[in-house]
Amino acid sequence: MDKTELAKLQAYLRKTFNNANISVRARMKKTDSAEVYMGEEYIGIIHVDDEDGDRSFNFTMAILDVDLED
């Protein structure tokens, strides 16, 4: 993913989740994925899928059971 694509993904996530604190950052030595942050907290990863000539993106966010406790 290049800088333009990262910026488009960031704008999409900010608009979709109505949150300007979301940032999409390039990964070191990886071009097929990017890290997603809310402020300075890592919240997930976006992987690019280029199969069959269609480009799509998959956002994965892990939720720990301890995060669900009140």
C-alpha atoms as a PDB file:
ATOM      1  CA  MET A   1       0.000   0.000   0.000  1.00  0.00           C
ATOM      2  CA  ASP A   2       1.310   3.434  -0.875  1.00  0.00           C
ATOM      3  CA  LYS A   3       0.780   6.716   0.987  1.00  0.00           C
ATOM      4  CA  THR A   4      -2.214   7.660  -1.169  1.00  0.00           C
ATOM      5  CA  GLU A   5      -3.970   4.383  -0.444  1.00  0.00           C
ATOM      6  CA  LEU A   6      -3.204   4.662   3.290  1.00  0.00           C
ATOM      7  CA  ALA A   7      -4.716   8.158   3.314  1.00  0.00           C
ATOM      8  CA  LYS A   8      -7.865   6.930   1.531  1.00  0.00           C
ATOM      9  CA  LEU A   9      -8.271   4.064   3.999  1.00  0.00           C
ATOM     10  CA  GLN A  10      -7.779   6.436   6.928  1.00  0.00           C
ATOM     11  CA  ALA A  11     -10.371   8.869   5.569  1.00  0.00           C
ATOM     12  CA  TYR A  12     -12.814   5.999   5.018  1.00  0.00           C
ATOM     13  CA  LEU A  13     -12.408   4.653   8.570  1.00  0.00           C
ATOM     14  CA  ARG A  14     -12.668   8.131  10.109  1.00  0.00           C
ATOM     15  CA  LYS A  15     -15.890   8.809   8.205  1.00  0.00           C
ATOM     16  CA  THR A  16     -17.382   5.350   8.800  1.00  0.00           C
ATOM     17  CA  PHE A  17     -16.712   5.371  12.548  1.00  0.00           C
ATOM     18  CA  ASN A  18     -17.133   9.148  12.932  1.00  0.00           C
ATOM     19  CA  ASN A  19     -13.783   9.379  14.706  1.00  0.00           C
ATOM     20  CA  ALA A  20     -10.978  11.734  13.655  1.00  0.00           C
ATOM     21  CA  ASN A  21      -8.553  10.014  16.065  1.00  0.00           C
ATOM     22  CA  ILE A  22      -8.194   6.963  13.802  1.00  0.00           C
ATOM     23  CA  SER A  23      -4.925   6.704  11.905  1.00  0.00           C
ATOM     24  CA  VAL A  24      -3.681   4.164   9.371  1.00  0.00           C
ATOM     25  CA  ARG A  25       0.077   3.653   9.448  1.00  0.00           C
ATOM     26  CA  ALA A  26       2.434   1.788   7.155  1.00  0.00           C
ATOM     27  CA  ARG A  27       4.193  -1.270   8.560  1.00  0.00           C
ATOM     28  CA  MET A  28       7.954  -1.703   8.471  1.00  0.00           C
ATOM     29  CA  LYS A  29       9.026  -3.987   5.612  1.00  0.00           C
ATOM     30  CA  LYS A  30       5.398  -4.910   4.787  1.00  0.00           C
ATOM     31  CA  THR A  31       3.473  -3.638   1.771  1.00  0.00           C
ATOM     32  CA  ASP A  32       0.428  -5.911   2.017  1.00  0.00           C
ATOM     33  CA  SER A  33      -0.923  -4.514   5.284  1.00  0.00           C
ATOM     34  CA  ALA A  34      -1.159  -1.455   7.534  1.00  0.00           C
ATOM     35  CA  GLU A  35      -1.725  -0.862  11.237  1.00  0.00           C
ATOM     36  CA  VAL A  36      -4.790   0.955  12.565  1.00  0.00           C
ATOM     37  CA  TYR A  37      -4.583   3.144  15.675  1.00  0.00           C
ATOM     38  CA  MET A  38      -7.036   5.127  17.755  1.00  0.00           C
ATOM     39  CA  GLY A  39      -4.884   7.862  19.170  1.00  0.00           C
ATOM     40  CA  GLU A  40      -1.715   6.015  20.174  1.00  0.00           C
ATOM     41  CA  GLU A  41      -3.473   2.707  20.889  1.00  0.00           C
ATOM     42  CA  TYR A  42      -3.124  -0.048  18.304  1.00  0.00           C
ATOM     43  CA  ILE A  43      -6.579  -1.428  17.494  1.00  0.00           C
ATOM     44  CA  GLY A  44      -6.132  -3.596  14.419  1.00  0.00           C
ATOM     45  CA  ILE A  45      -4.659  -4.338  11.042  1.00  0.00           C
ATOM     46  CA  ILE A  46      -5.777  -3.944   7.443  1.00  0.00           C
ATOM     47  CA  HIS A  47      -4.677  -6.543   4.896  1.00  0.00           C
ATOM     48  CA  VAL A  48      -4.932  -5.962   1.159  1.00  0.00           C
ATOM     49  CA  ASP A  49      -6.292  -8.734  -1.082  1.00  0.00           C
ATOM     50  CA  ASP A  50      -5.371  -8.545  -4.774  1.00  0.00           C
ATOM     51  CA  GLU A  51      -6.769 -11.884  -5.936  1.00  0.00           C
ATOM     52  CA  ASP A  52      -8.694 -12.230  -9.185  1.00  0.00           C
ATOM     53  CA  GLY A  53      -7.975  -8.648 -10.244  1.00  0.00           C
ATOM     54  CA  ASP A  54     -10.260  -7.212  -7.560  1.00  0.00           C
ATOM     55  CA  ARG A  55      -8.547  -5.186  -4.839  1.00  0.00           C
ATOM     56  CA  SER A  56     -10.187  -5.326  -1.426  1.00  0.00           C
ATOM     57  CA  PHE A  57      -9.189  -4.641   2.164  1.00  0.00           C
ATOM     58  CA  ASN A  58      -9.854  -6.686   5.297  1.00  0.00           C
ATOM     59  CA  PHE A  59      -9.848  -4.974   8.700  1.00  0.00           C
ATOM     60  CA  THR A  60      -9.161  -7.270  11.662  1.00  0.00           C
ATOM     61  CA  MET A  61      -9.544  -6.176  15.268  1.00  0.00           C
ATOM     62  CA  ALA A  62      -8.854  -8.525  18.170  1.00  0.00           C
ATOM     63  CA  ILE A  63     -10.886  -8.071  21.354  1.00  0.00           C
ATOM     64  CA  LEU A  64      -9.470  -9.623  24.509  1.00  0.00           C
ATOM     65  CA  ASP A  65     -11.836 -11.136  27.052  1.00  0.00           C
ATOM     66  CA  VAL A  66     -10.359  -8.900  29.768  1.00  0.00           C
ATOM     67  CA  ASP A  67     -11.395  -5.867  27.718  1.00  0.00           C
ATOM     68  CA  LEU A  68     -15.027  -6.979  27.995  1.00  0.00           C
ATOM     69  CA  GLU A  69     -15.033  -6.917  31.793  1.00  0.00           C
ATOM     70  CA  ASP A  70     -16.740  -4.011  33.523  1.00  0.00           C
END
